[in-house]
Protein backbone atom coordinates (compact mmCIF):
# COMPACT_ATOMS: atom_id res chain seq x y z
CA MET A 1 -20.91 -67.66 -50.31
CA LYS A 2 -21.59 -68.57 -53.96
CA SER A 3 -24.52 -70.86 -54.69
CA ALA A 4 -26.47 -72.35 -57.56
CA SER A 5 -30.07 -73.53 -57.59
CA THR A 6 -31.48 -76.22 -59.86
CA TYR A 7 -34.63 -78.30 -60.09
CA ALA A 8 -35.25 -81.92 -60.86
CA ILE A 9 -38.28 -84.16 -61.24
CA THR A 10 -37.75 -87.06 -58.84
CA TYR A 11 -39.44 -90.23 -57.74
CA ILE A 12 -39.80 -90.92 -54.03
CA THR A 13 -38.78 -94.37 -52.81
CA THR A 14 -37.72 -96.22 -49.69
CA ASN A 15 -34.51 -98.03 -48.78
CA LEU A 16 -32.34 -95.82 -50.96
CA ILE A 17 -28.66 -96.02 -50.11
CA THR A 18 -28.34 -92.22 -50.22
CA PRO A 19 -30.77 -89.31 -49.65
CA ILE A 20 -31.01 -88.47 -53.36
CA LEU A 21 -29.72 -89.80 -56.67
CA LEU A 22 -29.17 -87.44 -59.61
CA GLY A 23 -28.63 -89.03 -63.01
CA ASN A 24 -27.17 -88.10 -66.38
CA ASP A 25 -30.30 -86.15 -67.37
CA TRP A 26 -29.75 -83.70 -64.50
CA ILE A 27 -25.99 -83.56 -65.17
CA ASN A 28 -26.48 -82.79 -68.86
CA SER A 29 -29.32 -80.29 -68.47
CA ASN A 30 -27.39 -78.29 -65.84
CA HIS A 31 -24.00 -78.45 -67.60
CA VAL A 32 -22.34 -80.20 -64.66
CA TYR A 33 -18.79 -81.47 -65.14
CA LEU A 34 -17.24 -84.17 -62.95
CA PHE A 35 -13.50 -84.20 -62.22
CA GLY A 36 -12.70 -87.57 -60.64
CA ASP A 37 -8.98 -86.95 -60.30
CA GLN A 38 -9.61 -83.66 -58.47
CA LYS A 39 -12.58 -85.07 -56.52
CA GLN A 40 -14.84 -82.14 -57.35
CA LEU A 41 -17.54 -81.01 -59.78
CA THR A 42 -18.40 -77.67 -61.38
CA ILE A 43 -21.85 -76.18 -62.02
CA PRO A 44 -22.73 -72.73 -63.45
CA ASP A 45 -24.80 -70.33 -61.33
CA GLN A 46 -27.63 -68.14 -62.67
CA HIS A 47 -25.04 -65.68 -64.01
CA GLY A 48 -23.08 -68.34 -65.86
CA GLN A 49 -20.14 -68.34 -63.46
CA LEU A 50 -18.72 -71.75 -62.56
CA ILE A 51 -18.91 -72.90 -58.96
CA SER A 52 -16.57 -75.70 -57.78
CA ILE A 53 -18.00 -78.16 -55.25
CA PRO A 54 -15.73 -80.80 -53.61
CA TYR A 55 -16.83 -84.40 -53.25
CA VAL A 56 -17.99 -85.49 -49.79
CA LYS A 57 -16.70 -88.82 -48.56
CA PRO A 58 -19.74 -91.04 -47.91
CA ALA A 59 -20.45 -91.91 -44.32
CA PHE A 60 -21.70 -95.38 -45.23
CA ILE A 61 -18.82 -97.86 -45.38
CA ASN A 62 -19.03 -101.63 -45.46
CA TYR A 63 -16.36 -104.27 -44.99
CA PRO A 64 -16.02 -107.87 -46.24
CA ALA A 65 -16.66 -110.68 -43.76
CA LEU A 66 -14.42 -113.71 -44.43
CA LEU A 67 -14.36 -117.20 -42.95
CA VAL A 68 -11.50 -117.73 -40.51
CA HIS A 69 -11.33 -121.50 -41.13
CA GLN A 70 -12.47 -124.00 -43.72
CA ILE A 71 -15.73 -125.46 -42.44
CA THR A 72 -17.82 -128.56 -43.13
CA ILE A 73 -21.57 -128.32 -42.41
CA PRO A 74 -23.43 -131.65 -42.07
CA PRO A 75 -26.79 -132.12 -43.86
CA TYR A 76 -29.82 -130.39 -42.31
CA SER A 77 -27.83 -128.71 -39.59
CA GLN A 78 -26.68 -125.32 -38.39
CA THR A 79 -23.42 -124.14 -36.90
CA LEU A 80 -21.77 -121.01 -35.56
CA VAL A 81 -18.68 -120.03 -37.55
CA ASP A 82 -15.91 -117.51 -36.96
CA ILE A 83 -15.56 -114.61 -39.38
CA THR A 84 -12.86 -111.99 -39.66
CA CYS A 85 -13.10 -108.38 -40.85
CA PRO A 86 -10.96 -105.19 -40.93
CA VAL A 87 -12.78 -103.74 -37.88
CA ASP A 88 -10.92 -104.16 -34.59
CA ASP A 89 -13.39 -103.79 -31.68
CA ALA A 90 -16.93 -102.50 -32.15
CA ASN A 91 -20.56 -103.21 -31.29
CA ASN A 92 -23.80 -103.19 -33.25
CA PHE A 93 -22.39 -103.70 -36.72
CA ILE A 94 -24.92 -104.89 -39.30
CA PHE A 95 -24.12 -108.21 -41.00
CA GLU A 96 -25.64 -108.99 -44.41
CA PRO A 97 -24.99 -112.28 -46.28
CA TYR A 98 -23.12 -112.13 -49.58
CA GLU A 99 -25.03 -114.64 -51.69
CA ARG A 100 -22.65 -114.57 -54.65
CA TYR A 101 -20.13 -116.92 -53.01
CA ILE A 102 -22.57 -118.96 -50.89
CA PRO A 103 -23.81 -122.30 -52.27
CA ARG A 104 -27.50 -122.81 -52.89
CA LEU A 105 -29.58 -123.74 -49.81
CA ILE A 106 -26.95 -122.38 -47.43
CA PHE A 107 -28.70 -119.70 -45.39
CA ILE A 108 -27.13 -116.98 -43.25
CA PRO A 109 -29.46 -114.64 -41.35
CA HIS A 110 -29.03 -110.88 -41.15
CA THR A 111 -27.83 -109.98 -37.68
CA LEU A 112 -26.10 -107.43 -35.45
CA LEU A 113 -22.51 -108.29 -34.53
CA ASN A 114 -20.22 -107.42 -31.67
CA ILE A 115 -16.68 -107.53 -33.06
CA ASN A 116 -13.72 -108.42 -30.84
CA LYS A 117 -10.16 -108.35 -32.20
CA HIS A 118 -11.34 -108.43 -35.82
CA GLN A 119 -13.53 -111.51 -35.25
CA ALA A 120 -17.18 -112.36 -34.64
CA LYS A 121 -19.55 -115.34 -35.01
CA VAL A 122 -22.44 -115.85 -37.42
CA LEU A 123 -24.91 -118.69 -37.91
CA LEU A 124 -24.83 -120.88 -41.03
CA ILE A 125 -27.72 -123.20 -41.92
CA ASN A 126 -27.36 -126.12 -44.36
CA ALA A 127 -30.82 -126.97 -45.73
CA GLN A 128 -29.56 -129.68 -48.10
CA ASP A 129 -29.43 -133.44 -47.72
CA GLN A 130 -25.66 -133.45 -48.16
CA GLN A 131 -22.77 -131.84 -46.39
CA GLN A 132 -21.34 -128.55 -47.59
CA ILE A 133 -17.75 -127.31 -47.43
CA LEU A 134 -16.77 -123.65 -47.43
CA SER A 135 -13.08 -122.85 -47.79
CA LYS A 136 -11.06 -120.51 -45.66
CA ASN A 137 -11.31 -116.81 -46.60
CA THR A 138 -14.63 -117.31 -48.41
CA ARG A 139 -16.51 -114.02 -48.38
CA ILE A 140 -19.85 -114.88 -46.80
CA GLY A 141 -21.12 -111.37 -46.14
CA THR A 142 -20.52 -107.69 -45.48
CA ILE A 143 -20.63 -105.71 -42.26
CA SER A 144 -21.50 -102.04 -41.91
CA ARG A 145 -22.26 -99.47 -39.27
CA GLU A 146 -25.77 -98.04 -39.25
CA THR A 147 -25.19 -94.39 -40.01
CA THR A 148 -27.15 -91.21 -39.38
CA TYR A 149 -26.98 -88.54 -42.01
CA SER A 150 -25.86 -85.02 -41.17
CA VAL A 151 -27.42 -82.14 -43.06
CA PHE A 152 -25.13 -79.30 -44.08
CA THR A 153 -26.27 -75.96 -45.51
CA THR A 154 -24.59 -75.41 -48.85
CA THR A 155 -26.64 -72.41 -50.06
CA GLU A 156 -27.79 -69.19 -48.39
CA TYR A 157 -31.52 -68.75 -48.81
CA SER A 158 -32.64 -65.34 -49.99
CA THR A 159 -35.73 -63.78 -51.55
CA THR A 160 -34.13 -64.06 -54.96
CA THR A 161 -33.24 -67.69 -54.42
CA ASN A 162 -36.69 -68.63 -53.13
CA SER A 163 -38.35 -66.78 -56.00
CA LEU A 164 -36.22 -68.64 -58.52
CA LEU A 165 -36.99 -71.97 -56.86
CA ASN A 166 -40.73 -71.23 -56.88
CA LYS A 167 -40.65 -70.39 -60.59
CA ASN A 168 -38.72 -73.55 -61.35
CA PHE A 169 -41.12 -75.61 -59.24
CA GLN A 170 -44.15 -74.25 -61.11
CA ARG A 171 -42.42 -74.98 -64.41
CA SER A 172 -41.67 -78.54 -63.27
CA ARG A 173 -45.34 -79.13 -62.40
CA ARG A 174 -46.44 -77.98 -65.87
CA SER A 175 -43.92 -80.26 -67.56
CA TYR A 176 -44.53 -83.30 -65.36
CA LYS A 177 -47.37 -84.66 -67.49
CA ASN A 178 -45.23 -84.62 -70.63
CA PHE A 179 -42.28 -86.10 -68.73
CA LYS A 180 -44.37 -88.96 -67.32
CA ASN A 181 -45.66 -90.01 -70.72
CA ARG A 182 -42.30 -89.74 -72.45
CA ASP A 183 -40.58 -92.97 -73.58
CA ILE A 184 -37.50 -92.76 -71.39
CA LEU A 185 -36.01 -95.76 -73.13
CA ASN A 186 -36.21 -94.17 -76.57
CA LYS A 187 -32.70 -94.49 -77.90
CA LYS A 188 -32.91 -91.51 -80.25
CA ASP A 189 -34.03 -88.98 -77.64
CA ASN A 190 -32.26 -90.37 -74.60
CA SER A 191 -28.98 -91.77 -75.85
CA ASN A 192 -27.08 -89.74 -73.24
CA SER A 193 -29.47 -90.24 -70.32
CA THR A 194 -28.93 -93.96 -69.61
CA GLN A 195 -26.91 -94.50 -66.45
CA LEU A 196 -23.81 -96.61 -67.17
CA ASN A 197 -22.62 -98.03 -63.88
CA VAL A 198 -19.96 -100.66 -64.59
CA ILE A 199 -16.66 -100.26 -66.41
CA CYS A 200 -14.41 -102.86 -68.02
CA GLU A 201 -10.93 -102.23 -66.65
CA LEU A 202 -9.36 -103.80 -69.74
CA CYS A 203 -10.93 -101.61 -72.44
CA ASN A 204 -12.61 -98.86 -70.33
CA GLU A 205 -16.03 -99.54 -71.88
CA TYR A 206 -19.11 -98.91 -69.69
CA PHE A 207 -22.03 -101.30 -69.08
CA LEU A 208 -25.43 -101.19 -67.43
CA SER A 209 -24.86 -104.13 -65.09
CA GLY A 210 -22.36 -106.68 -63.89
CA ASN A 211 -24.04 -109.35 -66.03
CA ASP A 212 -23.54 -107.23 -69.15
CA LEU A 213 -19.91 -106.73 -68.18
CA GLN A 214 -19.38 -110.49 -67.74
CA LYS A 215 -20.90 -111.20 -71.16
CA HIS A 216 -18.59 -108.59 -72.67
CA LEU A 217 -15.51 -109.98 -70.91
CA ARG A 218 -16.20 -113.54 -72.04
CA ALA A 219 -16.86 -112.48 -75.62
CA LYS A 220 -14.12 -109.89 -76.04
CA CYS A 221 -11.67 -108.89 -73.34
CA TYR A 222 -10.74 -112.16 -71.70
CA SER A 223 -7.69 -113.77 -73.23
CA ASP A 224 -8.48 -115.69 -76.43
CA GLN A 225 -6.35 -118.48 -75.04
CA ILE A 226 -8.37 -118.75 -71.81
CA ARG A 227 -11.65 -118.54 -73.74
CA LYS A 228 -10.48 -121.31 -76.06
CA HIS A 229 -9.46 -123.56 -73.15
CA ILE A 230 -12.81 -123.19 -71.38
CA LEU A 231 -14.87 -123.78 -74.51
CA GLU A 232 -12.72 -126.68 -75.72
CA SER A 233 -12.74 -128.45 -72.36
CA THR A 234 -16.56 -128.43 -72.21
CA LYS A 235 -17.57 -128.94 -75.85
CA HIS A 236 -18.07 -132.68 -75.25
CA MET A 237 -21.06 -131.96 -72.99
CA GLU A 238 -24.28 -132.42 -74.98
CA ASN A 239 -26.60 -131.09 -72.27
CA LYS A 240 -26.51 -127.31 -72.77
CA LYS A 241 -27.73 -126.51 -69.26
CA GLN A 242 -25.00 -128.64 -67.71
CA ARG A 243 -22.39 -127.23 -70.07
CA LEU A 244 -23.25 -123.63 -69.18
CA ALA A 245 -23.26 -124.46 -65.46
CA ILE A 246 -19.76 -125.93 -65.53
CA GLN A 247 -18.53 -123.12 -67.82
CA ASP A 248 -19.78 -120.57 -65.29
CA ILE A 249 -17.58 -122.17 -62.63
CA LEU A 250 -14.57 -122.16 -64.95
CA TRP A 251 -15.14 -118.52 -65.92
CA ARG A 252 -15.26 -117.48 -62.27
CA ASN A 253 -11.97 -119.30 -61.72
CA LYS A 254 -10.42 -118.40 -65.07
CA ILE A 255 -7.16 -117.31 -63.42
CA LEU A 256 -6.35 -121.03 -63.05
CA PHE A 257 -5.83 -121.17 -66.84
CA ASP A 258 -3.67 -118.04 -66.99
CA PRO A 259 -0.44 -118.96 -68.82
CA THR A 260 1.56 -116.49 -66.71
CA PRO A 261 3.81 -118.45 -64.28
CA SER A 262 2.83 -118.23 -60.62
CA ILE A 263 4.29 -119.15 -57.23
CA ILE A 264 1.72 -120.51 -54.77
CA ASN A 265 1.21 -118.60 -51.53
CA ILE A 266 2.63 -121.06 -49.00
CA PRO A 267 5.78 -120.86 -46.86
CA SER A 268 9.01 -121.77 -48.63
CA GLN A 269 9.62 -125.52 -48.61
CA SER A 270 12.76 -127.37 -47.50
CA ALA A 271 13.36 -130.50 -49.55
CA ILE A 272 17.16 -131.04 -49.68
CA ARG A 273 18.56 -132.03 -46.30
CA THR A 274 22.22 -133.02 -46.66
CA GLY A 275 23.42 -132.78 -43.06
CA ASP A 276 27.07 -131.74 -42.75
CA HIS A 277 28.13 -133.09 -46.12
CA PRO A 278 30.48 -130.71 -47.95
CA PRO A 279 29.28 -129.12 -51.21
CA ILE A 280 29.36 -131.27 -54.34
CA TYR A 281 30.73 -129.77 -57.53
CA SER A 282 30.29 -131.46 -60.92
CA LYS A 283 31.81 -130.19 -64.14
CA GLN A 284 29.49 -129.26 -66.98
CA TYR A 285 29.05 -131.79 -69.77
CA SER A 286 30.44 -130.81 -73.15
CA ALA A 287 27.81 -129.56 -75.59
CA SER A 288 27.54 -128.38 -79.18
CA TYR A 289 27.08 -124.74 -80.11
CA LYS A 290 23.39 -125.42 -80.81
CA ASP A 291 22.91 -127.00 -77.37
CA GLN A 292 24.77 -124.16 -75.68
CA ASP A 293 22.43 -121.70 -77.37
CA MET A 294 19.42 -123.65 -76.12
CA LYS A 295 20.81 -123.65 -72.57
CA PHE A 296 21.15 -119.87 -72.75
CA GLN A 297 17.59 -119.40 -74.01
CA GLU A 298 16.12 -121.67 -71.33
CA THR A 299 18.01 -119.98 -68.51
CA GLN A 300 16.81 -116.59 -69.73
CA LYS A 301 13.20 -117.80 -69.63
CA LEU A 302 13.64 -119.17 -66.10
CA LEU A 303 15.33 -115.93 -65.04
CA GLU A 304 12.50 -113.78 -66.40
CA ARG A 305 9.92 -115.91 -64.57
CA GLY A 306 11.78 -115.59 -61.28
CA GLN A 307 12.31 -119.36 -61.09
CA ILE A 308 16.11 -119.04 -60.93
CA GLU A 309 18.51 -116.40 -59.68
CA GLU A 310 22.22 -115.73 -60.05
CA SER A 311 24.30 -117.65 -57.54
CA THR A 312 27.66 -117.72 -55.77
CA SER A 313 27.05 -121.24 -54.43
CA PRO A 314 29.94 -123.76 -54.18
CA TRP A 315 27.48 -126.48 -55.26
CA SER A 316 27.02 -127.29 -58.92
CA SER A 317 25.21 -129.96 -60.94
CA PRO A 318 25.48 -130.41 -64.72
CA ILE A 319 22.78 -129.53 -67.25
CA VAL A 320 21.38 -132.35 -69.40
CA LEU A 321 19.33 -131.93 -72.59
CA VAL A 322 16.87 -134.82 -72.99
CA LYS A 323 15.09 -135.51 -76.27
CA LYS A 324 11.28 -135.65 -75.92
CA LYS A 325 8.81 -137.70 -77.97
CA ASP A 326 8.18 -134.76 -80.32
CA LYS A 327 11.94 -134.60 -81.05
CA THR A 328 12.35 -131.31 -79.13
CA MET A 329 14.79 -131.07 -76.22
CA ARG A 330 13.94 -130.79 -72.51
CA PHE A 331 16.17 -128.73 -70.21
CA CYS A 332 17.10 -130.87 -67.17
CA ILE A 333 19.67 -130.84 -64.38
CA ASP A 334 21.47 -134.01 -63.32
CA TYR A 335 21.04 -134.17 -59.54
CA ARG A 336 22.16 -137.79 -59.11
CA ARG A 337 25.19 -136.95 -56.97
CA LEU A 338 23.10 -134.55 -54.85
CA ASN A 339 20.38 -137.18 -54.42
CA ALA A 340 22.92 -139.73 -53.20
CA ILE A 341 23.70 -137.62 -50.10
CA THR A 342 20.17 -136.29 -49.47
CA ILE A 343 18.28 -137.53 -46.41
CA LYS A 344 15.14 -139.17 -47.78
CA ASP A 345 11.68 -137.80 -46.96
CA ALA A 346 9.40 -140.65 -45.79
CA TYR A 347 6.13 -138.82 -46.55
CA PRO A 348 3.82 -141.41 -48.18
CA LEU A 349 2.38 -141.30 -51.68
CA PRO A 350 -1.19 -142.63 -52.05
CA ARG A 351 -1.57 -146.30 -52.92
CA ILE A 352 -2.90 -146.62 -56.45
CA ASP A 353 -5.20 -149.53 -55.59
CA GLU A 354 -6.80 -147.44 -52.80
CA ILE A 355 -7.28 -144.57 -55.23
CA PHE A 356 -9.18 -146.77 -57.67
CA ASP A 357 -11.30 -148.18 -54.86
CA GLN A 358 -12.47 -144.61 -54.19
CA LEU A 359 -13.18 -143.92 -57.87
CA SER A 360 -15.22 -147.08 -58.39
CA ASP A 361 -18.49 -145.56 -57.09
CA ALA A 362 -18.33 -142.31 -59.07
CA LEU A 363 -19.93 -141.42 -62.41
CA TYR A 364 -18.47 -137.95 -63.10
CA TYR A 365 -14.79 -137.05 -63.18
CA THR A 366 -12.78 -133.85 -63.55
CA LYS A 367 -9.02 -134.12 -63.87
CA PHE A 368 -6.59 -131.26 -63.24
CA ASP A 369 -2.92 -131.21 -64.19
CA PHE A 370 -0.63 -128.49 -62.86
CA LYS A 371 1.46 -126.46 -65.26
CA SER A 372 5.07 -127.16 -64.22
CA GLY A 373 3.76 -128.07 -60.78
CA TYR A 374 7.15 -128.24 -59.04
CA PHE A 375 8.05 -124.78 -60.32
CA GLN A 376 4.99 -123.34 -58.53
CA VAL A 377 6.32 -124.37 -55.09
CA PRO A 378 8.73 -121.88 -53.44
CA LEU A 379 12.04 -123.33 -52.22
CA SER A 380 13.61 -122.31 -48.92
CA LYS A 381 16.63 -120.01 -49.05
CA GLU A 382 18.71 -122.63 -47.21
CA ASP A 383 18.16 -125.19 -49.99
CA ARG A 384 18.61 -122.90 -52.98
CA PRO A 385 22.45 -123.01 -53.12
CA LYS A 386 22.32 -126.83 -53.39
CA THR A 387 20.33 -126.57 -56.63
CA ALA A 388 23.01 -124.53 -58.39
CA PHE A 389 24.06 -125.19 -61.99
CA SER A 390 26.27 -123.46 -64.52
CA THR A 391 26.09 -122.40 -68.13
CA ARG A 392 29.19 -121.47 -70.11
CA ASP A 393 29.08 -117.88 -68.83
CA ASN A 394 27.12 -117.78 -65.54
CA HIS A 395 26.12 -119.62 -62.36
CA TYR A 396 22.49 -119.92 -61.20
CA GLN A 397 20.36 -121.52 -58.49
CA LEU A 398 16.64 -122.34 -58.38
CA THR A 399 14.11 -120.43 -56.27
CA VAL A 400 11.44 -123.12 -56.74
CA LEU A 401 11.22 -126.87 -56.14
CA PRO A 402 13.58 -128.51 -58.67
CA GLN A 403 12.57 -131.37 -60.92
CA GLY A 404 14.74 -134.44 -60.51
CA ILE A 405 15.54 -134.24 -56.80
CA THR A 406 14.85 -137.35 -54.75
CA ASN A 407 12.46 -135.66 -52.30
CA GLY A 408 10.51 -133.77 -54.97
CA PRO A 409 7.51 -136.16 -55.14
CA ALA A 410 7.16 -136.44 -51.36
CA ARG A 411 7.44 -132.69 -50.85
CA PHE A 412 4.88 -131.88 -53.56
CA GLN A 413 2.51 -134.54 -52.21
CA ARG A 414 2.79 -132.97 -48.77
CA VAL A 415 1.95 -129.53 -50.21
CA ILE A 416 -1.06 -130.63 -52.27
CA ASN A 417 -2.44 -132.76 -49.40
CA HIS A 418 -2.29 -129.74 -47.11
CA ILE A 419 -4.02 -127.47 -49.65
CA LEU A 420 -6.82 -129.91 -50.50
CA GLY A 421 -7.36 -130.58 -46.81
CA PRO A 422 -10.43 -132.60 -45.76
CA THR A 423 -11.78 -132.85 -49.31
CA ARG A 424 -9.30 -135.68 -49.96
CA TRP A 425 -10.77 -139.19 -50.00
CA LYS A 426 -14.27 -137.64 -50.02
CA TYR A 427 -14.51 -136.28 -53.55
CA THR A 428 -10.98 -135.43 -54.60
CA LEU A 429 -7.64 -137.24 -54.76
CA ALA A 430 -4.15 -136.22 -55.75
CA TYR A 431 -1.25 -138.38 -56.83
CA ILE A 432 1.60 -135.84 -56.78
CA ASP A 433 0.49 -133.29 -59.41
CA ASP A 434 -2.43 -135.28 -60.87
CA VAL A 435 -5.68 -134.19 -59.19
CA ILE A 436 -9.03 -135.87 -59.84
CA ILE A 437 -12.49 -134.81 -58.62
CA TYR A 438 -15.12 -137.55 -58.55
CA SER A 439 -18.87 -137.44 -57.85
CA LYS A 440 -21.93 -139.68 -58.05
CA THR A 441 -24.27 -137.05 -59.59
CA PHE A 442 -23.78 -134.02 -61.80
CA GLN A 443 -25.22 -131.65 -59.18
CA GLU A 444 -22.70 -132.96 -56.66
CA HIS A 445 -19.97 -132.58 -59.25
CA LEU A 446 -20.78 -128.90 -59.77
CA LEU A 447 -20.37 -128.26 -56.05
CA HIS A 448 -17.19 -130.31 -55.85
CA VAL A 449 -15.55 -128.71 -58.91
CA ASN A 450 -16.46 -125.24 -57.64
CA GLU A 451 -14.94 -125.99 -54.24
CA ILE A 452 -11.66 -127.37 -55.60
CA CYS A 453 -11.34 -124.57 -58.17
CA THR A 454 -11.79 -122.03 -55.39
CA ILE A 455 -9.18 -123.75 -53.22
CA LEU A 456 -6.63 -123.91 -56.06
CA LYS A 457 -7.36 -120.32 -57.09
CA ASN A 458 -6.86 -119.06 -53.54
CA ALA A 459 -3.57 -120.97 -53.41
CA ARG A 460 -2.54 -119.28 -56.73
CA PHE A 461 -2.01 -122.54 -58.60
CA ARG A 462 -1.94 -122.59 -62.41
CA LEU A 463 -3.24 -125.50 -64.49
CA ASN A 464 -2.12 -127.03 -67.76
CA PRO A 465 -5.41 -126.82 -69.72
CA GLU A 466 -4.25 -129.18 -72.48
CA LYS A 467 -4.07 -132.02 -69.95
CA CYS A 468 -7.21 -131.13 -67.96
CA GLU A 469 -10.52 -132.92 -68.45
CA ILE A 470 -13.77 -131.40 -67.21
CA ALA A 471 -16.97 -133.23 -66.15
CA ARG A 472 -16.27 -136.48 -68.00
CA THR A 473 -18.09 -139.76 -67.58
CA GLN A 474 -14.85 -141.59 -68.36
CA THR A 475 -11.22 -140.58 -68.07
CA ASP A 476 -7.69 -141.95 -68.05
CA TYR A 477 -6.00 -141.60 -64.65
CA LEU A 478 -2.67 -143.04 -63.56
CA GLY A 479 -2.49 -145.37 -66.54
CA HIS A 480 -6.03 -146.71 -66.15
CA ASN A 481 -9.36 -145.96 -67.78
CA VAL A 482 -12.18 -145.16 -65.36
CA LYS A 483 -15.81 -145.39 -66.53
CA ASN A 484 -19.07 -146.07 -64.67
CA GLY A 485 -17.21 -147.52 -61.73
CA GLU A 486 -15.12 -149.87 -63.90
CA ILE A 487 -11.33 -149.66 -63.87
CA ARG A 488 -9.39 -150.96 -66.88
CA PRO A 489 -5.77 -150.59 -68.00
CA SER A 490 -5.36 -147.75 -70.51
CA SER A 491 -5.01 -149.10 -74.02
CA HIS A 492 -1.88 -147.08 -74.79
CA ASN A 493 -0.18 -148.61 -71.72
CA ILE A 494 -0.77 -152.22 -72.77
CA ASN A 495 -0.19 -151.78 -76.49
CA GLY A 496 3.42 -152.78 -75.98
CA LEU A 497 2.38 -156.08 -74.40
CA LEU A 498 -0.36 -156.73 -76.95
CA ASN A 499 2.04 -156.18 -79.83
CA THR A 500 4.81 -158.34 -78.35
CA LYS A 501 5.78 -161.34 -80.45
CA LEU A 502 5.19 -164.73 -78.89
CA PRO A 503 8.27 -165.51 -76.74
CA GLN A 504 10.47 -168.21 -78.21
CA THR A 505 12.92 -168.73 -75.36
CA ALA A 506 12.66 -169.19 -71.61
CA ASP A 507 14.37 -165.83 -71.04
CA GLU A 508 11.90 -164.00 -73.31
CA ALA A 509 8.95 -165.73 -71.64
CA CYS A 510 10.23 -164.77 -68.19
CA LYS A 511 10.48 -161.09 -69.19
CA PHE A 512 6.98 -161.17 -70.65
CA VAL A 513 5.49 -162.69 -67.49
CA LYS A 514 7.18 -160.06 -65.29
CA ALA A 515 5.78 -157.28 -67.48
CA ALA A 516 2.28 -158.78 -67.59
CA LYS A 517 1.85 -159.76 -63.95
CA TYR A 518 0.99 -156.16 -62.93
CA TYR A 519 -2.29 -156.59 -64.85
CA ARG A 520 -3.15 -160.00 -63.39
CA LYS A 521 -6.05 -158.55 -61.36
CA PHE A 522 -7.71 -157.53 -64.64
CA ILE A 523 -7.37 -161.01 -66.21
CA SER A 524 -9.41 -163.95 -64.99
CA LYS A 525 -7.48 -167.20 -64.46
CA PHE A 526 -4.24 -165.35 -65.14
CA SER A 527 -1.94 -168.10 -63.79
CA ARG A 528 -3.69 -170.92 -65.66
CA LYS A 529 -3.42 -169.07 -68.96
CA LEU A 530 0.29 -168.49 -68.42
CA LEU A 531 0.82 -172.18 -67.64
CA ASN A 532 -0.96 -173.15 -70.84
CA HIS A 533 1.43 -171.04 -72.90
CA PHE A 534 4.67 -171.24 -70.91
CA GLY A 535 4.23 -174.34 -68.76
CA ASN A 536 7.66 -175.75 -69.45
CA LEU A 537 9.20 -172.48 -68.23
CA PHE A 538 8.23 -173.39 -64.67
CA GLN A 539 9.59 -176.95 -64.86
CA LEU A 540 12.90 -177.73 -63.27
CA GLN A 541 15.65 -177.11 -65.77
CA GLU A 542 18.73 -179.33 -66.04
CA PRO A 543 21.89 -177.51 -64.90
CA ASN A 544 23.31 -177.49 -68.42
CA LYS A 545 20.05 -176.32 -70.07
CA ARG A 546 20.47 -172.92 -71.67
CA LYS A 547 17.99 -170.10 -71.01
CA ASP A 548 17.71 -169.32 -74.68
CA LYS A 549 16.58 -172.82 -75.60
CA LYS A 550 13.55 -172.92 -77.88
CA LEU A 551 10.32 -173.71 -76.07
């Protein structure tokens, strides 16, 4: 059996994860070559002949421990929670908490677990004066089997081998003094001896630690677009410590700002119940060559994203191009005839006045807007044929929740309510695809934003960063400005009323009053002020008096 003998100066320590660690200095001095793809290494023997040694699969294996359910832990309390892991049935597995994903002042003791059908129980302790929420599938620890190491003989001892080892040992003792006093961090002499442990999977550059890798990713390899969104959304924060804290949460959930379209991981949704009604077919509207070209380009984009598919459906609704404020055109489908025969979904939308009652006690707000929110919700295969539409040379149907269907808002509200779960009406609210997180203190807000970001990330949602606002002390939400507990109409919503000319006829005055009465709760003595200006409008009119008579 071929063998090779080497020597190394080592330090003795406790709690090492393996019997011995050999670094780059030993690898370089002994001309060792590692072949990861072949799972072996080569080392020359005393005669210069290469010896191949296969890798040994480590006996120590650990597994992630994930929460089975979303949990809420009251202040200053402890609770047993269910965890799940890849192990089926086993006893005496070691559990160690995974502090990276556990909020501050949440404690989980080390323990031995008996696992039954992939599940076990661990104790969580909340040492804070406020409740804590951990979402489903949060990794709270790792489990591992305590292993015993087996010793295998890899070399045959002989007089020659022992003699060589003794000579090497004596040489190592003589050189130890020089080795101990050497500056091991000297870059010139030890440029190849520093152990590089972490690799960037984007550029294959190595780093000393995970922190160094994160700094590199944020500065270089993360998308410039994502980096810009995170920095732009937090530049308003003057307190550097607070700004860095909220940025850290956004970096850890950066996938939310990924521009790549995504479908959330929920069961396909049914939103178009038409009973036994026969299919409805509508002819396509005539369009110019330019509009036809735009229809083709838009359908190709939707096809590439997997949001539509080719169809043989007997249903068909016409395409409509709607001009937006910036003069560009929006690709829409006219589902009015389909909506007329659809059974309406009675799922409730939140009352706006109740939403603002909740926001009135908060001081910090974060607002999230979904990027094409409907198109992130998968549509059931039974409903897809009903969404069909045609271009001049093909027939398609949607695979996601269509915009413009009558049950779209109710269905999306149902989805987002289910995903946000018990956090709603406590520190987060959603009105269809507009989500707001509200908190009384900044420390609370950090916890709340982190929780909601984690929930949305796990659901695979994508946000529209241009319309998101992070950790603001005032924000516009649902047409109102919210600041320090005060709710006011947004200025851009009432500009039309403010710039209206004074009504000159009864008909004009009536239209103005109908438009203004929505804001009556924001105006003291609203009715009296209207009477002062339009009092004669409310007087009994003679039958022959015209509505357009001058006031």
